C-alpha atoms as a PDB file:
ATOM      1  CA  MET A   1     118.843 168.795  33.193  1.00  0.00           C
ATOM      2  CA  LYS A   2     118.372 166.222  36.328  1.00  0.00           C
ATOM      3  CA  TYR A   3     121.118 163.788  36.988  1.00  0.00           C
ATOM      4  CA  LEU A   4     120.816 160.817  39.401  1.00  0.00           C
ATOM      5  CA  CYS A   5     124.708 160.455  41.118  1.00  0.00           C
ATOM      6  CA  LEU A   6     124.560 156.650  42.113  1.00  0.00           C
ATOM      7  CA  ILE A   7     127.155 155.856  44.736  1.00  0.00           C
ATOM      8  CA  TYR A   8     128.679 152.491  45.225  1.00  0.00           C
ATOM      9  CA  GLN A   9     130.998 151.090  47.792  1.00  0.00           C
ATOM     10  CA  ASN A  10     132.390 148.267  49.371  1.00  0.00           C
ATOM     11  CA  GLU A  11     130.618 147.738  52.818  1.00  0.00           C
ATOM     12  CA  GLU A  12     134.055 146.751  54.203  1.00  0.00           C
ATOM     13  CA  THR A  13     136.370 149.570  52.572  1.00  0.00           C
ATOM     14  CA  SER A  14     133.714 152.579  53.893  1.00  0.00           C
ATOM     15  CA  ALA A  15     133.431 151.042  57.241  1.00  0.00           C
ATOM     16  CA  ARG A  16     137.233 151.169  57.331  1.00  0.00           C
ATOM     17  CA  ASN A  17     137.324 154.858  56.197  1.00  0.00           C
ATOM     18  CA  GLY A  18     135.039 156.189  58.465  1.00  0.00           C
ATOM     19  CA  GLN A  19     137.562 155.267  61.701  1.00  0.00           C
ATOM     20  CA  GLN A  20     140.833 156.770  60.201  1.00  0.00           C
ATOM     21  CA  GLY A  21     141.282 160.940  60.262  1.00  0.00           C
ATOM     22  CA  VAL A  22     137.385 162.770  59.552  1.00  0.00           C
ATOM     23  CA  PRO A  23     134.970 160.485  59.354  1.00  0.00           C
ATOM     24  CA  MET A  24     133.403 160.135  55.880  1.00  0.00           C
ATOM     25  CA  SER A  25     129.992 161.340  56.979  1.00  0.00           C
ATOM     26  CA  GLN A  26     131.621 164.772  57.938  1.00  0.00           C
ATOM     27  CA  GLU A  27     133.172 165.198  54.673  1.00  0.00           C
ATOM     28  CA  TYR A  28     129.551 164.032  53.198  1.00  0.00           C
ATOM     29  CA  PHE A  29     128.070 166.989  55.187  1.00  0.00           C
ATOM     30  CA  ALA A  30     130.226 169.442  54.149  1.00  0.00           C
ATOM     31  CA  PHE A  31     130.016 168.435  50.326  1.00  0.00           C
ATOM     32  CA  THR A  32     125.793 168.323  50.944  1.00  0.00           C
ATOM     33  CA  GLN A  33     126.004 171.698  52.118  1.00  0.00           C
ATOM     34  CA  ASP A  34     128.309 172.733  48.840  1.00  0.00           C
ATOM     35  CA  ILE A  35     125.777 171.769  46.165  1.00  0.00           C
ATOM     36  CA  GLN A  36     123.038 173.075  48.205  1.00  0.00           C
ATOM     37  CA  LYS A  37     124.650 176.369  48.239  1.00  0.00           C
ATOM     38  CA  SER A  38     125.425 176.032  44.608  1.00  0.00           C
ATOM     39  CA  GLY A  39     121.774 175.284  43.857  1.00  0.00           C
ATOM     40  CA  HIS A  40     122.698 171.608  41.996  1.00  0.00           C
ATOM     41  CA  MET A  41     121.013 169.795  45.177  1.00  0.00           C
ATOM     42  CA  LEU A  42     117.236 168.263  44.331  1.00  0.00           C
ATOM     43  CA  GLY A  43     117.803 165.625  47.069  1.00  0.00           C
ATOM     44  CA  GLY A  44     119.935 162.230  47.913  1.00  0.00           C
ATOM     45  CA  ASN A  45     119.451 159.931  50.754  1.00  0.00           C
ATOM     46  CA  ALA A  46     121.876 157.825  52.679  1.00  0.00           C
ATOM     47  CA  LEU A  47     120.573 154.045  52.434  1.00  0.00           C
ATOM     48  CA  GLN A  48     120.713 151.161  55.262  1.00  0.00           C
ATOM     49  CA  PRO A  49     123.336 148.370  54.136  1.00  0.00           C
ATOM     50  CA  PRO A  50     122.413 146.098  51.789  1.00  0.00           C
ATOM     51  CA  ASN A  51     121.814 143.249  53.994  1.00  0.00           C
ATOM     52  CA  THR A  52     118.577 145.166  54.996  1.00  0.00           C
ATOM     53  CA  ALA A  53     117.609 144.798  51.134  1.00  0.00           C
ATOM     54  CA  THR A  54     114.642 143.220  49.662  1.00  0.00           C
ATOM     55  CA  THR A  55     114.816 141.967  45.873  1.00  0.00           C
ATOM     56  CA  VAL A  56     111.147 142.083  44.817  1.00  0.00           C
ATOM     57  CA  ARG A  57     110.520 139.969  40.981  1.00  0.00           C
ATOM     58  CA  VAL A  58     106.828 139.091  39.378  1.00  0.00           C
ATOM     59  CA  ARG A  59     106.757 135.678  37.129  1.00  0.00           C
ATOM     60  CA  ASN A  60     103.835 134.864  35.581  1.00  0.00           C
ATOM     61  CA  GLY A  61     101.741 136.984  38.043  1.00  0.00           C
ATOM     62  CA  LYS A  62     103.217 135.158  41.005  1.00  0.00           C
ATOM     63  CA  VAL A  63     105.230 137.927  43.508  1.00  0.00           C
ATOM     64  CA  SER A  64     108.936 136.610  45.048  1.00  0.00           C
ATOM     65  CA  THR A  65     111.064 137.714  47.289  1.00  0.00           C
ATOM     66  CA  THR A  66     114.829 137.491  48.189  1.00  0.00           C
ATOM     67  CA  ASP A  67     116.318 138.603  51.402  1.00  0.00           C
ATOM     68  CA  GLY A  68     119.453 141.253  50.090  1.00  0.00           C
ATOM     69  CA  PRO A  69     120.333 142.831  47.022  1.00  0.00           C
ATOM     70  CA  PHE A  70     119.914 141.164  43.430  1.00  0.00           C
ATOM     71  CA  ALA A  71     123.647 142.020  42.120  1.00  0.00           C
ATOM     72  CA  GLU A  72     126.507 140.050  43.440  1.00  0.00           C
ATOM     73  CA  THR A  73     129.177 142.333  43.641  1.00  0.00           C
ATOM     74  CA  LYS A  74     132.078 143.973  45.920  1.00  0.00           C
ATOM     75  CA  GLU A  75     130.154 147.568  45.396  1.00  0.00           C
ATOM     76  CA  GLN A  76     126.719 148.022  46.507  1.00  0.00           C
ATOM     77  CA  LEU A  77     124.412 151.314  46.207  1.00  0.00           C
ATOM     78  CA  GLY A  78     124.962 152.947  49.412  1.00  0.00           C
ATOM     79  CA  GLY A  79     122.842 156.357  48.630  1.00  0.00           C
ATOM     80  CA  TYR A  80     122.392 158.878  45.775  1.00  0.00           C
ATOM     81  CA  TYR A  81     122.220 162.353  44.819  1.00  0.00           C
ATOM     82  CA  LEU A  82     119.843 163.883  42.587  1.00  0.00           C
ATOM     83  CA  ILE A  83     120.891 167.098  41.410  1.00  0.00           C
ATOM     84  CA  GLU A  84     120.217 170.050  38.816  1.00  0.00           C
ATOM     85  CA  ALA A  85     123.097 170.338  36.218  1.00  0.00           C
ATOM     86  CA  ALA A  86     123.980 172.321  33.152  1.00  0.00           C
ATOM     87  CA  ASP A  87     125.222 169.183  31.305  1.00  0.00           C
ATOM     88  CA  LEU A  88     126.762 166.029  31.862  1.00  0.00           C
ATOM     89  CA  ASN A  89     130.416 167.820  32.327  1.00  0.00           C
ATOM     90  CA  ASP A  90     128.531 170.029  35.093  1.00  0.00           C
ATOM     91  CA  ALA A  91     127.129 167.293  36.581  1.00  0.00           C
ATOM     92  CA  ILE A  92     130.553 164.744  36.245  1.00  0.00           C
ATOM     93  CA  GLN A  93     132.608 168.055  38.319  1.00  0.00           C
ATOM     94  CA  VAL A  94     129.411 167.703  40.669  1.00  0.00           C
ATOM     95  CA  SER A  95     129.783 163.933  41.412  1.00  0.00           C
ATOM     96  CA  ALA A  96     133.664 163.596  41.316  1.00  0.00           C
ATOM     97  CA  ARG A  97     133.379 166.060  44.471  1.00  0.00           C
ATOM     98  CA  ILE A  98     131.604 163.383  46.259  1.00  0.00           C
ATOM     99  CA  PRO A  99     133.415 161.880  49.064  1.00  0.00           C
ATOM    100  CA  GLY A 100     132.764 158.447  47.849  1.00  0.00           C
ATOM    101  CA  ALA A 101     134.125 158.746  44.619  1.00  0.00           C
ATOM    102  CA  LYS A 102     137.457 158.143  46.412  1.00  0.00           C
ATOM    103  CA  THR A 103     137.071 154.914  47.300  1.00  0.00           C
ATOM    104  CA  GLY A 104     134.116 153.440  45.313  1.00  0.00           C
ATOM    105  CA  SER A 105     132.419 154.770  42.131  1.00  0.00           C
ATOM    106  CA  ILE A 106     129.385 157.302  41.279  1.00  0.00           C
ATOM    107  CA  GLU A 107     127.525 156.184  38.413  1.00  0.00           C
ATOM    108  CA  VAL A 108     125.972 159.747  36.417  1.00  0.00           C
ATOM    109  CA  ARG A 109     122.776 158.850  34.868  1.00  0.00           C
ATOM    110  CA  PRO A 110     120.248 161.378  33.091  1.00  0.00           C
ATOM    111  CA  ILE A 111     116.501 161.332  34.739  1.00  0.00           C
ATOM    112  CA  MET A 112     114.145 160.487  31.573  1.00  0.00           C
ATOM    113  CA  VAL A 113     111.718 163.056  31.154  1.00  0.00           C
ATOM    114  CA  PHE A 114     108.112 162.243  29.286  1.00  0.00           C
ATOM    115  CA  SER A 115     106.245 164.542  26.998  1.00  0.00           C
ATOM    116  CA  ASN A 116     103.485 164.530  29.819  1.00  0.00           C
ATOM    117  CA  GLN A 117     105.584 165.289  33.158  1.00  0.00           C
ATOM    118  CA  PRO A 118     106.362 168.531  34.455  1.00  0.00           C
ATOM    119  CA  SER A 119     110.351 168.669  34.301  1.00  0.00           C
END
């Protein structure tokens, strides 16, 4: 089964953690290599900072855009992994090893498969 692991981080906390000890990017590199070898990883990307986001809405046929993310929260979506896991418990075990789980949160969500969509 496919799961999307959404990585939410506080931008300020992330920046500080990157300056202390082993940079978190090295932890991510090692984690990514590990889940590639185990066959869990299907894809993933880091995202540019929230201030580069544009929110798009269509209301009554009119398109409007707003700079930045839609939600006003302390934690912002920073990246994701698309993984293959046996079940939710397996997906949780994989996502608990994502370095950002130590300072932020990981949302694990199953991918919806439609009957006419290849799995």
